[in-house]
């Protein structure tokens, strides 16, 4: 992977993501909000992968590496919020509150792990 190419496992993962996303778009074709959700989640996952790859390539600390960490945390938090917003409405109100509390706790723990520890 040092020469900029992707490993076979990475290619298989993106292939599985693309196939699953195509099926999800096909199954929810009449629902524009669901299609937008799938496409936005895929875009966020692809950007997250690229950020993580760039993060691994940067040695030591530095301003650029800190910016990449911030982007990783922001994309992760976005995905957490997106999935919580889809799951919580399907649950009874106390469980929905628990879903959102877990989402907030996960995002806060990620912030603590990335920036405060």
PDB file of N, CA and C in Angstrom:
ATOM      1  N   UNK A   1       0.821  -1.192   0.000  1.00  0.00           N
ATOM      2  CA  UNK A   1       0.000   0.000   0.000  1.00  0.00           C
ATOM      3  C   UNK A   1       0.862   1.252   0.000  1.00  0.00           C
ATOM      4  N   UNK A   2       2.163   1.129   0.158  1.00  0.00           N
ATOM      5  CA  UNK A   2       3.048   2.277   0.194  1.00  0.00           C
ATOM      6  C   UNK A   2       3.138   2.960  -1.161  1.00  0.00           C
ATOM      7  N   UNK A   3       2.826   2.244  -2.242  1.00  0.00           N
ATOM      8  CA  UNK A   3       2.919   2.848  -3.564  1.00  0.00           C
ATOM      9  C   UNK A   3       1.622   3.540  -3.979  1.00  0.00           C
ATOM     10  N   UNK A   4       0.646   3.639  -3.102  1.00  0.00           N
ATOM     11  CA  UNK A   4      -0.597   4.352  -3.398  1.00  0.00           C
ATOM     12  C   UNK A   4      -1.720   3.462  -3.887  1.00  0.00           C
ATOM     13  N   UNK A   5      -1.470   2.190  -4.086  1.00  0.00           N
ATOM     14  CA  UNK A   5      -2.524   1.293  -4.540  1.00  0.00           C
ATOM     15  C   UNK A   5      -3.311   0.768  -3.348  1.00  0.00           C
ATOM     16  N   UNK A   6      -4.500   0.286  -3.628  1.00  0.00           N
ATOM     17  CA  UNK A   6      -5.353  -0.257  -2.578  1.00  0.00           C
ATOM     18  C   UNK A   6      -5.184  -1.768  -2.522  1.00  0.00           C
ATOM     19  N   UNK A   7      -5.281  -2.319  -1.310  1.00  0.00           N
ATOM     20  CA  UNK A   7      -5.158  -3.762  -1.142  1.00  0.00           C
ATOM     21  C   UNK A   7      -6.412  -4.457  -1.663  1.00  0.00           C
ATOM     22  N   UNK A   8      -6.290  -5.755  -1.837  1.00  0.00           N
ATOM     23  CA  UNK A   8      -7.428  -6.551  -2.307  1.00  0.00           C
ATOM     24  C   UNK A   8      -8.574  -6.492  -1.316  1.00  0.00           C
ATOM     25  N   UNK A   9      -8.259  -6.529  -0.037  1.00  0.00           N
ATOM     26  CA  UNK A   9      -9.304  -6.460   0.981  1.00  0.00           C
ATOM     27  C   UNK A   9     -10.043  -5.122   0.924  1.00  0.00           C
ATOM     28  N   UNK A  10      -9.312  -4.042   0.682  1.00  0.00           N
ATOM     29  CA  UNK A  10      -9.940  -2.732   0.549  1.00  0.00           C
ATOM     30  C   UNK A  10     -10.856  -2.687  -0.664  1.00  0.00           C
ATOM     31  N   UNK A  11     -10.382  -3.227  -1.751  1.00  0.00           N
ATOM     32  CA  UNK A  11     -11.209  -3.259  -2.969  1.00  0.00           C
ATOM     33  C   UNK A  11     -12.471  -4.101  -2.756  1.00  0.00           C
ATOM     34  N   UNK A  12     -12.326  -5.228  -2.083  1.00  0.00           N
ATOM     35  CA  UNK A  12     -13.498  -6.072  -1.792  1.00  0.00           C
ATOM     36  C   UNK A  12     -14.482  -5.340  -0.884  1.00  0.00           C
ATOM     37  N   UNK A  13     -13.957  -4.625   0.102  1.00  0.00           N
ATOM     38  CA  UNK A  13     -14.826  -3.856   1.004  1.00  0.00           C
ATOM     39  C   UNK A  13     -15.607  -2.786   0.270  1.00  0.00           C
ATOM     40  N   UNK A  14     -14.929  -2.051  -0.601  1.00  0.00           N
ATOM     41  CA  UNK A  14     -15.630  -1.027  -1.372  1.00  0.00           C
ATOM     42  C   UNK A  14     -16.602  -1.638  -2.369  1.00  0.00           C
ATOM     43  N   UNK A  15     -16.246  -2.801  -2.903  1.00  0.00           N
ATOM     44  CA  UNK A  15     -17.173  -3.499  -3.795  1.00  0.00           C
ATOM     45  C   UNK A  15     -18.439  -3.926  -3.065  1.00  0.00           C
ATOM     46  N   UNK A  16     -18.273  -4.465  -1.849  1.00  0.00           N
ATOM     47  CA  UNK A  16     -19.431  -4.864  -1.048  1.00  0.00           C
ATOM     48  C   UNK A  16     -20.277  -3.647  -0.678  1.00  0.00           C
ATOM     49  N   UNK A  17     -19.616  -2.542  -0.329  1.00  0.00           N
ATOM     50  CA  UNK A  17     -20.348  -1.306  -0.009  1.00  0.00           C
ATOM     51  C   UNK A  17     -21.130  -0.814  -1.221  1.00  0.00           C
ATOM     52  N   UNK A  18     -20.490  -0.823  -2.387  1.00  0.00           N
ATOM     53  CA  UNK A  18     -21.161  -0.362  -3.608  1.00  0.00           C
ATOM     54  C   UNK A  18     -22.355  -1.252  -3.953  1.00  0.00           C
ATOM     55  N   UNK A  19     -22.180  -2.561  -3.844  1.00  0.00           N
ATOM     56  CA  UNK A  19     -23.275  -3.483  -4.142  1.00  0.00           C
ATOM     57  C   UNK A  19     -24.434  -3.300  -3.174  1.00  0.00           C
ATOM     58  N   UNK A  20     -24.120  -3.221  -1.879  1.00  0.00           N
ATOM     59  CA  UNK A  20     -25.152  -3.035  -0.867  1.00  0.00           C
ATOM     60  C   UNK A  20     -25.871  -1.698  -1.066  1.00  0.00           C
ATOM     61  N   UNK A  21     -25.126  -0.675  -1.394  1.00  0.00           N
ATOM     62  CA  UNK A  21     -25.727   0.645  -1.606  1.00  0.00           C
ATOM     63  C   UNK A  21     -26.613   0.657  -2.843  1.00  0.00           C
ATOM     64  N   UNK A  22     -26.167  -0.014  -3.901  1.00  0.00           N
ATOM     65  CA  UNK A  22     -26.993  -0.093  -5.103  1.00  0.00           C
ATOM     66  C   UNK A  22     -28.310  -0.799  -4.804  1.00  0.00           C
ATOM     67  N   UNK A  23     -28.257  -1.876  -4.025  1.00  0.00           N
ATOM     68  CA  UNK A  23     -29.495  -2.564  -3.631  1.00  0.00           C
ATOM     69  C   UNK A  23     -30.386  -1.667  -2.777  1.00  0.00           C
ATOM     70  N   UNK A  24     -29.783  -0.931  -1.850  1.00  0.00           N
ATOM     71  CA  UNK A  24     -30.570  -0.040  -0.989  1.00  0.00           C
ATOM     72  C   UNK A  24     -31.229   1.063  -1.803  1.00  0.00           C
ATOM     73  N   UNK A  25     -30.513   1.616  -2.753  1.00  0.00           N
ATOM     74  CA  UNK A  25     -31.094   2.660  -3.615  1.00  0.00           C
ATOM     75  C   UNK A  25     -32.208   2.060  -4.467  1.00  0.00           C
ATOM     76  N   UNK A  26     -31.984   0.884  -5.004  1.00  0.00           N
ATOM     77  CA  UNK A  26     -32.996   0.230  -5.830  1.00  0.00           C
ATOM     78  C   UNK A  26     -34.269  -0.034  -5.018  1.00  0.00           C
ATOM     79  N   UNK A  27     -34.107  -0.542  -3.783  1.00  0.00           N
ATOM     80  CA  UNK A  27     -35.267  -0.876  -2.955  1.00  0.00           C
ATOM     81  C   UNK A  27     -36.019   0.340  -2.454  1.00  0.00           C
ATOM     82  N   UNK A  28     -35.364   1.491  -2.391  1.00  0.00           N
ATOM     83  CA  UNK A  28     -36.040   2.684  -1.890  1.00  0.00           C
ATOM     84  C   UNK A  28     -36.119   3.764  -2.962  1.00  0.00           C
ATOM     85  N   UNK A  29     -36.217   3.361  -4.217  1.00  0.00           N
ATOM     86  CA  UNK A  29     -36.167   4.300  -5.328  1.00  0.00           C
ATOM     87  C   UNK A  29     -37.271   5.354  -5.275  1.00  0.00           C
ATOM     88  N   UNK A  30     -38.442   5.049  -4.808  1.00  0.00           N
ATOM     89  CA  UNK A  30     -39.523   6.028  -4.752  1.00  0.00           C
ATOM     90  C   UNK A  30     -39.407   7.007  -3.595  1.00  0.00           C
ATOM     91  N   UNK A  31     -38.545   6.738  -2.650  1.00  0.00           N
ATOM     92  CA  UNK A  31     -38.388   7.559  -1.449  1.00  0.00           C
ATOM     93  C   UNK A  31     -37.093   8.358  -1.547  1.00  0.00           C
ATOM     94  N   UNK A  32     -37.232   9.624  -1.926  1.00  0.00           N
ATOM     95  CA  UNK A  32     -36.054  10.467  -2.163  1.00  0.00           C
ATOM     96  C   UNK A  32     -35.211  10.631  -0.895  1.00  0.00           C
ATOM     97  N   UNK A  33     -35.850  10.698   0.272  1.00  0.00           N
ATOM     98  CA  UNK A  33     -35.101  10.875   1.519  1.00  0.00           C
ATOM     99  C   UNK A  33     -34.228   9.649   1.804  1.00  0.00           C
ATOM    100  N   UNK A  34     -34.740   8.466   1.546  1.00  0.00           N
ATOM    101  CA  UNK A  34     -33.961   7.251   1.778  1.00  0.00           C
ATOM    102  C   UNK A  34     -32.798   7.144   0.805  1.00  0.00           C
ATOM    103  N   UNK A  35     -33.030   7.496  -0.447  1.00  0.00           N
ATOM    104  CA  UNK A  35     -31.956   7.470  -1.436  1.00  0.00           C
ATOM    105  C   UNK A  35     -30.872   8.482  -1.047  1.00  0.00           C
ATOM    106  N   UNK A  36     -31.285   9.665  -0.629  1.00  0.00           N
ATOM    107  CA  UNK A  36     -30.318  10.683  -0.208  1.00  0.00           C
ATOM    108  C   UNK A  36     -29.527  10.218   1.008  1.00  0.00           C
ATOM    109  N   UNK A  37     -30.201   9.534   1.930  1.00  0.00           N
ATOM    110  CA  UNK A  37     -29.515   9.003   3.106  1.00  0.00           C
ATOM    111  C   UNK A  37     -28.436   8.010   2.703  1.00  0.00           C
ATOM    112  N   UNK A  38     -28.766   7.085   1.823  1.00  0.00           N
ATOM    113  CA  UNK A  38     -27.791   6.076   1.387  1.00  0.00           C
ATOM    114  C   UNK A  38     -26.600   6.746   0.702  1.00  0.00           C
ATOM    115  N   UNK A  39     -26.873   7.685  -0.186  1.00  0.00           N
ATOM    116  CA  UNK A  39     -25.780   8.351  -0.897  1.00  0.00           C
ATOM    117  C   UNK A  39     -24.922   9.195   0.039  1.00  0.00           C
ATOM    118  N   UNK A  40     -25.557   9.891   0.984  1.00  0.00           N
ATOM    119  CA  UNK A  40     -24.795  10.697   1.941  1.00  0.00           C
ATOM    120  C   UNK A  40     -23.953   9.813   2.862  1.00  0.00           C
ATOM    121  N   UNK A  41     -24.516   8.706   3.313  1.00  0.00           N
ATOM    122  CA  UNK A  41     -23.753   7.787   4.162  1.00  0.00           C
ATOM    123  C   UNK A  41     -22.578   7.192   3.400  1.00  0.00           C
ATOM    124  N   UNK A  42     -22.784   6.844   2.144  1.00  0.00           N
ATOM    125  CA  UNK A  42     -21.680   6.323   1.330  1.00  0.00           C
ATOM    126  C   UNK A  42     -20.595   7.370   1.135  1.00  0.00           C
ATOM    127  N   UNK A  43     -20.984   8.598   0.867  1.00  0.00           N
ATOM    128  CA  UNK A  43     -20.000   9.672   0.692  1.00  0.00           C
ATOM    129  C   UNK A  43     -19.209   9.885   1.978  1.00  0.00           C
ATOM    130  N   UNK A  44     -19.903   9.889   3.109  1.00  0.00           N
ATOM    131  CA  UNK A  44     -19.222  10.080   4.391  1.00  0.00           C
ATOM    132  C   UNK A  44     -18.269   8.914   4.686  1.00  0.00           C
ATOM    133  N   UNK A  45     -18.690   7.693   4.387  1.00  0.00           N
ATOM    134  CA  UNK A  45     -17.814   6.532   4.595  1.00  0.00           C
ATOM    135  C   UNK A  45     -16.584   6.588   3.692  1.00  0.00           C
ATOM    136  N   UNK A  46     -16.773   6.973   2.434  1.00  0.00           N
ATOM    137  CA  UNK A  46     -15.633   7.075   1.518  1.00  0.00           C
ATOM    138  C   UNK A  46     -14.667   8.166   1.979  1.00  0.00           C
ATOM    139  N   UNK A  47     -15.202   9.317   2.384  1.00  0.00           N
ATOM    140  CA  UNK A  47     -14.338  10.386   2.890  1.00  0.00           C
ATOM    141  C   UNK A  47     -13.627   9.962   4.167  1.00  0.00           C
ATOM    142  N   UNK A  48     -14.323   9.247   5.032  1.00  0.00           N
ATOM    143  CA  UNK A  48     -13.710   8.755   6.263  1.00  0.00           C
ATOM    144  C   UNK A  48     -12.554   7.807   5.941  1.00  0.00           C
ATOM    145  N   UNK A  49     -12.764   6.913   5.000  1.00  0.00           N
ATOM    146  CA  UNK A  49     -11.698   6.001   4.600  1.00  0.00           C
ATOM    147  C   UNK A  49     -10.489   6.764   4.067  1.00  0.00           C
ATOM    148  N   UNK A  50     -10.733   7.746   3.212  1.00  0.00           N
ATOM    149  CA  UNK A  50      -9.629   8.518   2.647  1.00  0.00           C
ATOM    150  C   UNK A  50      -8.890   9.309   3.725  1.00  0.00           C
ATOM    151  N   UNK A  51      -9.631   9.860   4.673  1.00  0.00           N
ATOM    152  CA  UNK A  51      -8.998  10.592   5.783  1.00  0.00           C
ATOM    153  C   UNK A  51      -8.150   9.655   6.638  1.00  0.00           C
ATOM    154  N   UNK A  52      -8.674   8.481   6.942  1.00  0.00           N
ATOM    155  CA  UNK A  52      -7.915   7.525   7.741  1.00  0.00           C
ATOM    156  C   UNK A  52      -6.656   7.072   7.017  1.00  0.00           C
ATOM    157  N   UNK A  53      -6.763   6.885   5.729  1.00  0.00           N
ATOM    158  CA  UNK A  53      -5.599   6.495   4.931  1.00  0.00           C
ATOM    159  C   UNK A  53      -4.538   7.592   4.951  1.00  0.00           C
ATOM    160  N   UNK A  54      -4.966   8.829   4.796  1.00  0.00           N
ATOM    161  CA  UNK A  54      -4.030   9.960   4.842  1.00  0.00           C
ATOM    162  C   UNK A  54      -3.430  10.110   6.233  1.00  0.00           C
ATOM    163  N   UNK A  55      -4.231   9.872   7.259  1.00  0.00           N
ATOM    164  CA  UNK A  55      -3.752   9.956   8.642  1.00  0.00           C
ATOM    165  C   UNK A  55      -2.639   8.937   8.886  1.00  0.00           C
ATOM    166  N   UNK A  56      -2.816   7.725   8.364  1.00  0.00           N
ATOM    167  CA  UNK A  56      -1.807   6.687   8.542  1.00  0.00           C
ATOM    168  C   UNK A  56      -0.504   7.025   7.819  1.00  0.00           C
ATOM    169  N   UNK A  57      -0.589   7.776   6.746  1.00  0.00           N
ATOM    170  CA  UNK A  57       0.603   8.125   5.966  1.00  0.00           C
ATOM    171  C   UNK A  57       1.411   9.254   6.592  1.00  0.00           C
ATOM    172  N   UNK A  58       0.795  10.062   7.433  1.00  0.00           N
ATOM    173  CA  UNK A  58       1.481  11.209   8.042  1.00  0.00           C
ATOM    174  C   UNK A  58       2.210  10.762   9.296  1.00  0.00           C
ATOM    175  N   UNK A  59       3.512  10.916   9.330  1.00  0.00           N
ATOM    176  CA  UNK A  59       4.251  10.520  10.541  1.00  0.00           C
ATOM    177  C   UNK A  59       4.134  11.567  11.635  1.00  0.00           C
ATOM    178  N   UNK A  60       4.223  11.114  12.885  1.00  0.00           N
ATOM    179  CA  UNK A  60       4.281  12.018  14.034  1.00  0.00           C
ATOM    180  C   UNK A  60       3.080  12.921  14.174  1.00  0.00           C
ATOM    181  N   UNK A  61       3.328  14.096  14.742  1.00  0.00           N
ATOM    182  CA  UNK A  61       2.261  15.069  14.963  1.00  0.00           C
ATOM    183  C   UNK A  61       2.151  16.024  13.792  1.00  0.00           C
ATOM    184  N   UNK A  62       1.905  17.262  14.106  1.00  0.00           N
ATOM    185  CA  UNK A  62       1.832  18.276  13.072  1.00  0.00           C
ATOM    186  C   UNK A  62       0.436  18.815  12.881  1.00  0.00           C
ATOM    187  N   UNK A  63       0.395  19.975  12.273  1.00  0.00           N
ATOM    188  CA  UNK A  63      -0.874  20.671  12.053  1.00  0.00           C
ATOM    189  C   UNK A  63      -1.772  19.910  11.079  1.00  0.00           C
ATOM    190  N   UNK A  64      -1.182  19.380  10.018  1.00  0.00           N
ATOM    191  CA  UNK A  64      -1.971  18.649   9.022  1.00  0.00           C
ATOM    192  C   UNK A  64      -2.598  17.393   9.638  1.00  0.00           C
ATOM    193  N   UNK A  65      -1.838  16.704  10.441  1.00  0.00           N
ATOM    194  CA  UNK A  65      -2.353  15.491  11.088  1.00  0.00           C
ATOM    195  C   UNK A  65      -3.487  15.839  12.048  1.00  0.00           C
ATOM    196  N   UNK A  66      -3.385  16.955  12.747  1.00  0.00           N
ATOM    197  CA  UNK A  66      -4.467  17.390  13.637  1.00  0.00           C
ATOM    198  C   UNK A  66      -5.726  17.728  12.844  1.00  0.00           C
ATOM    199  N   UNK A  67      -5.554  18.325  11.680  1.00  0.00           N
ATOM    200  CA  UNK A  67      -6.711  18.625  10.828  1.00  0.00           C
ATOM    201  C   UNK A  67      -7.385  17.345  10.349  1.00  0.00           C
ATOM    202  N   UNK A  68      -6.577  16.363  10.036  1.00  0.00           N
ATOM    203  CA  UNK A  68      -7.139  15.085   9.583  1.00  0.00           C
ATOM    204  C   UNK A  68      -7.889  14.419  10.733  1.00  0.00           C
ATOM    205  N   UNK A  69      -7.336  14.486  11.954  1.00  0.00           N
ATOM    206  CA  UNK A  69      -8.043  13.922  13.119  1.00  0.00           C
ATOM    207  C   UNK A  69      -9.388  14.613  13.306  1.00  0.00           C
ATOM    208  N   UNK A  70      -9.427  15.919  13.136  1.00  0.00           N
ATOM    209  CA  UNK A  70     -10.685  16.657  13.274  1.00  0.00           C
ATOM    210  C   UNK A  70     -11.687  16.218  12.206  1.00  0.00           C
ATOM    211  N   UNK A  71     -11.201  15.999  10.988  1.00  0.00           N
ATOM    212  CA  UNK A  71     -12.093  15.547   9.916  1.00  0.00           C
ATOM    213  C   UNK A  71     -12.618  14.141  10.199  1.00  0.00           C
ATOM    214  N   UNK A  72     -11.756  13.272  10.718  1.00  0.00           N
ATOM    215  CA  UNK A  72     -12.181  11.910  11.065  1.00  0.00           C
ATOM    216  C   UNK A  72     -13.256  11.962  12.145  1.00  0.00           C
ATOM    217  N   UNK A  73     -13.032  12.772  13.172  1.00  0.00           N
ATOM    218  CA  UNK A  73     -14.033  12.870  14.234  1.00  0.00           C
ATOM    219  C   UNK A  73     -15.346  13.453  13.702  1.00  0.00           C
ATOM    220  N   UNK A  74     -15.258  14.488  12.865  1.00  0.00           N
ATOM    221  CA  UNK A  74     -16.477  15.106  12.317  1.00  0.00           C
ATOM    222  C   UNK A  74     -17.257  14.120  11.449  1.00  0.00           C
ATOM    223  N   UNK A  75     -16.570  13.379  10.609  1.00  0.00           N
ATOM    224  CA  UNK A  75     -17.257  12.405   9.759  1.00  0.00           C
ATOM    225  C   UNK A  75     -17.858  11.266  10.577  1.00  0.00           C
ATOM    226  N   UNK A  76     -17.139  10.828  11.580  1.00  0.00           N
ATOM    227  CA  UNK A  76     -17.664   9.774  12.452  1.00  0.00           C
ATOM    228  C   UNK A  76     -18.900  10.255  13.198  1.00  0.00           C
ATOM    229  N   UNK A  77     -18.836  11.472  13.710  1.00  0.00           N
ATOM    230  CA  UNK A  77     -19.983  12.041  14.415  1.00  0.00           C
ATOM    231  C   UNK A  77     -21.172  12.217  13.483  1.00  0.00           C
ATOM    232  N   UNK A  78     -20.901  12.644  12.243  1.00  0.00           N
ATOM    233  CA  UNK A  78     -21.970  12.761  11.247  1.00  0.00           C
ATOM    234  C   UNK A  78     -22.649  11.414  11.020  1.00  0.00           C
ATOM    235  N   UNK A  79     -21.862  10.363  10.848  1.00  0.00           N
ATOM    236  CA  UNK A  79     -22.439   9.037  10.632  1.00  0.00           C
ATOM    237  C   UNK A  79     -23.231   8.555  11.848  1.00  0.00           C
ATOM    238  N   UNK A  80     -22.711   8.816  13.040  1.00  0.00           N
ATOM    239  CA  UNK A  80     -23.438   8.442  14.261  1.00  0.00           C
ATOM    240  C   UNK A  80     -24.799   9.130  14.292  1.00  0.00           C
ATOM    241  N   UNK A  81     -24.795  10.434  14.023  1.00  0.00           N
ATOM    242  CA  UNK A  81     -26.048  11.197  14.047  1.00  0.00           C
ATOM    243  C   UNK A  81     -27.003  10.745  12.947  1.00  0.00           C
ATOM    244  N   UNK A  82     -26.466  10.457  11.780  1.00  0.00           N
ATOM    245  CA  UNK A  82     -27.326   9.998  10.683  1.00  0.00           C
ATOM    246  C   UNK A  82     -28.026   8.687  11.036  1.00  0.00           C
ATOM    247  N   UNK A  83     -27.276   7.738  11.557  1.00  0.00           N
ATOM    248  CA  UNK A  83     -27.882   6.443  11.865  1.00  0.00           C
ATOM    249  C   UNK A  83     -28.807   6.531  13.079  1.00  0.00           C
ATOM    250  N   UNK A  84     -28.453   7.339  14.062  1.00  0.00           N
ATOM    251  CA  UNK A  84     -29.355   7.516  15.209  1.00  0.00           C
ATOM    252  C   UNK A  84     -30.662   8.158  14.763  1.00  0.00           C
ATOM    253  N   UNK A  85     -30.580   9.092  13.808  1.00  0.00           N
ATOM    254  CA  UNK A  85     -31.802   9.759  13.339  1.00  0.00           C
ATOM    255  C   UNK A  85     -32.715   8.809  12.566  1.00  0.00           C
ATOM    256  N   UNK A  86     -32.162   7.734  12.040  1.00  0.00           N
ATOM    257  CA  UNK A  86     -32.991   6.740  11.347  1.00  0.00           C
ATOM    258  C   UNK A  86     -33.532   5.672  12.295  1.00  0.00           C
ATOM    259  N   UNK A  87     -32.781   5.359  13.342  1.00  0.00           N
ATOM    260  CA  UNK A  87     -33.179   4.295  14.264  1.00  0.00           C
ATOM    261  C   UNK A  87     -34.135   4.811  15.330  1.00  0.00           C
ATOM    262  N   UNK A  88     -33.844   5.971  15.890  1.00  0.00           N
ATOM    263  CA  UNK A  88     -34.617   6.480  17.024  1.00  0.00           C
ATOM    264  C   UNK A  88     -36.119   6.603  16.748  1.00  0.00           C
ATOM    265  N   UNK A  89     -36.558   7.082  15.571  1.00  0.00           N
ATOM    266  CA  UNK A  89     -38.007   7.182  15.342  1.00  0.00           C
ATOM    267  C   UNK A  89     -38.735   5.841  15.316  1.00  0.00           C
ATOM    268  N   UNK A  90     -38.008   4.765  15.131  1.00  0.00           N
ATOM    269  CA  UNK A  90     -38.636   3.444  15.086  1.00  0.00           C
ATOM    270  C   UNK A  90     -38.837   2.839  16.473  1.00  0.00           C
ATOM    271  N   UNK A  91     -38.293   3.483  17.486  1.00  0.00           N
ATOM    272  CA  UNK A  91     -38.298   2.947  18.846  1.00  0.00           C
ATOM    273  C   UNK A  91     -39.337   3.662  19.710  1.00  0.00           C
ATOM    274  N   UNK A  92     -39.749   3.012  20.798  1.00  0.00           N
ATOM    275  CA  UNK A  92     -40.589   3.712  21.777  1.00  0.00           C
ATOM    276  C   UNK A  92     -39.787   4.894  22.357  1.00  0.00           C
ATOM    277  N   UNK A  93     -40.471   5.933  22.826  1.00  0.00           N
ATOM    278  CA  UNK A  93     -39.769   7.142  23.284  1.00  0.00           C
ATOM    279  C   UNK A  93     -38.628   6.917  24.283  1.00  0.00           C
ATOM    280  N   UNK A  94     -38.777   6.067  25.296  1.00  0.00           N
ATOM    281  CA  UNK A  94     -37.630   5.880  26.199  1.00  0.00           C
ATOM    282  C   UNK A  94     -36.418   5.253  25.502  1.00  0.00           C
ATOM    283  N   UNK A  95     -36.671   4.322  24.607  1.00  0.00           N
ATOM    284  CA  UNK A  95     -35.573   3.690  23.882  1.00  0.00           C
ATOM    285  C   UNK A  95     -34.964   4.670  22.885  1.00  0.00           C
ATOM    286  N   UNK A  96     -35.792   5.501  22.255  1.00  0.00           N
ATOM    287  CA  UNK A  96     -35.282   6.525  21.341  1.00  0.00           C
ATOM    288  C   UNK A  96     -34.369   7.494  22.085  1.00  0.00           C
ATOM    289  N   UNK A  97     -34.757   7.866  23.298  1.00  0.00           N
ATOM    290  CA  UNK A  97     -33.904   8.735  24.108  1.00  0.00           C
ATOM    291  C   UNK A  97     -32.583   8.053  24.430  1.00  0.00           C
ATOM    292  N   UNK A  98     -32.635   6.747  24.687  1.00  0.00           N
ATOM    293  CA  UNK A  98     -31.412   5.987  24.946  1.00  0.00           C
ATOM    294  C   UNK A  98     -30.526   5.925  23.701  1.00  0.00           C
ATOM    295  N   UNK A  99     -31.130   5.764  22.532  1.00  0.00           N
ATOM    296  CA  UNK A  99     -30.365   5.749  21.275  1.00  0.00           C
ATOM    297  C   UNK A  99     -29.626   7.068  21.115  1.00  0.00           C
ATOM    298  N   UNK A 100     -30.322   8.184  21.331  1.00  0.00           N
ATOM    299  CA  UNK A 100     -29.679   9.494  21.194  1.00  0.00           C
ATOM    300  C   UNK A 100     -28.623   9.716  22.277  1.00  0.00           C
ATOM    301  N   UNK A 101     -28.894   9.245  23.491  1.00  0.00           N
ATOM    302  CA  UNK A 101     -27.900   9.390  24.563  1.00  0.00           C
ATOM    303  C   UNK A 101     -26.636   8.601  24.230  1.00  0.00           C
ATOM    304  N   UNK A 102     -26.808   7.408  23.683  1.00  0.00           N
ATOM    305  CA  UNK A 102     -25.641   6.614  23.291  1.00  0.00           C
ATOM    306  C   UNK A 102     -24.889   7.274  22.140  1.00  0.00           C
ATOM    307  N   UNK A 103     -25.608   7.872  21.213  1.00  0.00           N
ATOM    308  CA  UNK A 103     -24.958   8.565  20.101  1.00  0.00           C
ATOM    309  C   UNK A 103     -24.128   9.742  20.604  1.00  0.00           C
ATOM    310  N   UNK A 104     -24.710  10.522  21.517  1.00  0.00           N
ATOM    311  CA  UNK A 104     -23.979  11.661  22.085  1.00  0.00           C
ATOM    312  C   UNK A 104     -22.777  11.177  22.889  1.00  0.00           C
ATOM    313  N   UNK A 105     -22.963  10.131  23.671  1.00  0.00           N
ATOM    314  CA  UNK A 105     -21.855   9.593  24.471  1.00  0.00           C
ATOM    315  C   UNK A 105     -20.735   9.070  23.575  1.00  0.00           C
ATOM    316  N   UNK A 106     -21.089   8.429  22.480  1.00  0.00           N
ATOM    317  CA  UNK A 106     -20.077   7.914  21.558  1.00  0.00           C
ATOM    318  C   UNK A 106     -19.303   9.045  20.903  1.00  0.00           C
ATOM    319  N   UNK A 107     -20.006  10.081  20.462  1.00  0.00           N
ATOM    320  CA  UNK A 107     -19.334  11.230  19.851  1.00  0.00           C
ATOM    321  C   UNK A 107     -18.442  11.939  20.868  1.00  0.00           C
ATOM    322  N   UNK A 108     -18.932  12.079  22.097  1.00  0.00           N
ATOM    323  CA  UNK A 108     -18.132  12.726  23.139  1.00  0.00           C
ATOM    324  C   UNK A 108     -16.900  11.890  23.489  1.00  0.00           C
ATOM    325  N   UNK A 109     -17.065  10.583  23.568  1.00  0.00           N
ATOM    326  CA  UNK A 109     -15.923   9.708  23.853  1.00  0.00           C
ATOM    327  C   UNK A 109     -14.896   9.768  22.726  1.00  0.00           C
ATOM    328  N   UNK A 110     -15.363   9.844  21.495  1.00  0.00           N
ATOM    329  CA  UNK A 110     -14.446   9.989  20.368  1.00  0.00           C
ATOM    330  C   UNK A 110     -13.681  11.298  20.442  1.00  0.00           C
ATOM    331  N   UNK A 111     -14.366  12.380  20.804  1.00  0.00           N
ATOM    332  CA  UNK A 111     -13.696  13.665  20.959  1.00  0.00           C
ATOM    333  C   UNK A 111     -12.643  13.585  22.056  1.00  0.00           C
ATOM    334  N   UNK A 112     -13.019  12.984  23.181  1.00  0.00           N
ATOM    335  CA  UNK A 112     -12.072  12.843  24.285  1.00  0.00           C
ATOM    336  C   UNK A 112     -10.854  12.024  23.851  1.00  0.00           C
ATOM    337  N   UNK A 113     -11.100  10.909  23.156  1.00  0.00           N
ATOM    338  CA  UNK A 113      -9.990  10.036  22.749  1.00  0.00           C
ATOM    339  C   UNK A 113      -9.079  10.711  21.735  1.00  0.00           C
ATOM    340  N   UNK A 114      -9.656  11.462  20.804  1.00  0.00           N
ATOM    341  CA  UNK A 114      -8.848  12.096  19.767  1.00  0.00           C
ATOM    342  C   UNK A 114      -8.097  13.331  20.241  1.00  0.00           C
ATOM    343  N   UNK A 115      -8.746  14.150  21.059  1.00  0.00           N
ATOM    344  CA  UNK A 115      -8.217  15.476  21.303  1.00  0.00           C
ATOM    345  C   UNK A 115      -7.795  15.745  22.749  1.00  0.00           C
ATOM    346  N   UNK A 116      -8.340  15.016  23.717  1.00  0.00           N
ATOM    347  CA  UNK A 116      -8.063  15.334  25.108  1.00  0.00           C
ATOM    348  C   UNK A 116      -7.146  14.338  25.813  1.00  0.00           C
ATOM    349  N   UNK A 117      -7.023  13.148  25.272  1.00  0.00           N
ATOM    350  CA  UNK A 117      -6.178  12.158  25.951  1.00  0.00           C
ATOM    351  C   UNK A 117      -4.828  12.026  25.286  1.00  0.00           C
TER     352      UNK A 117
END
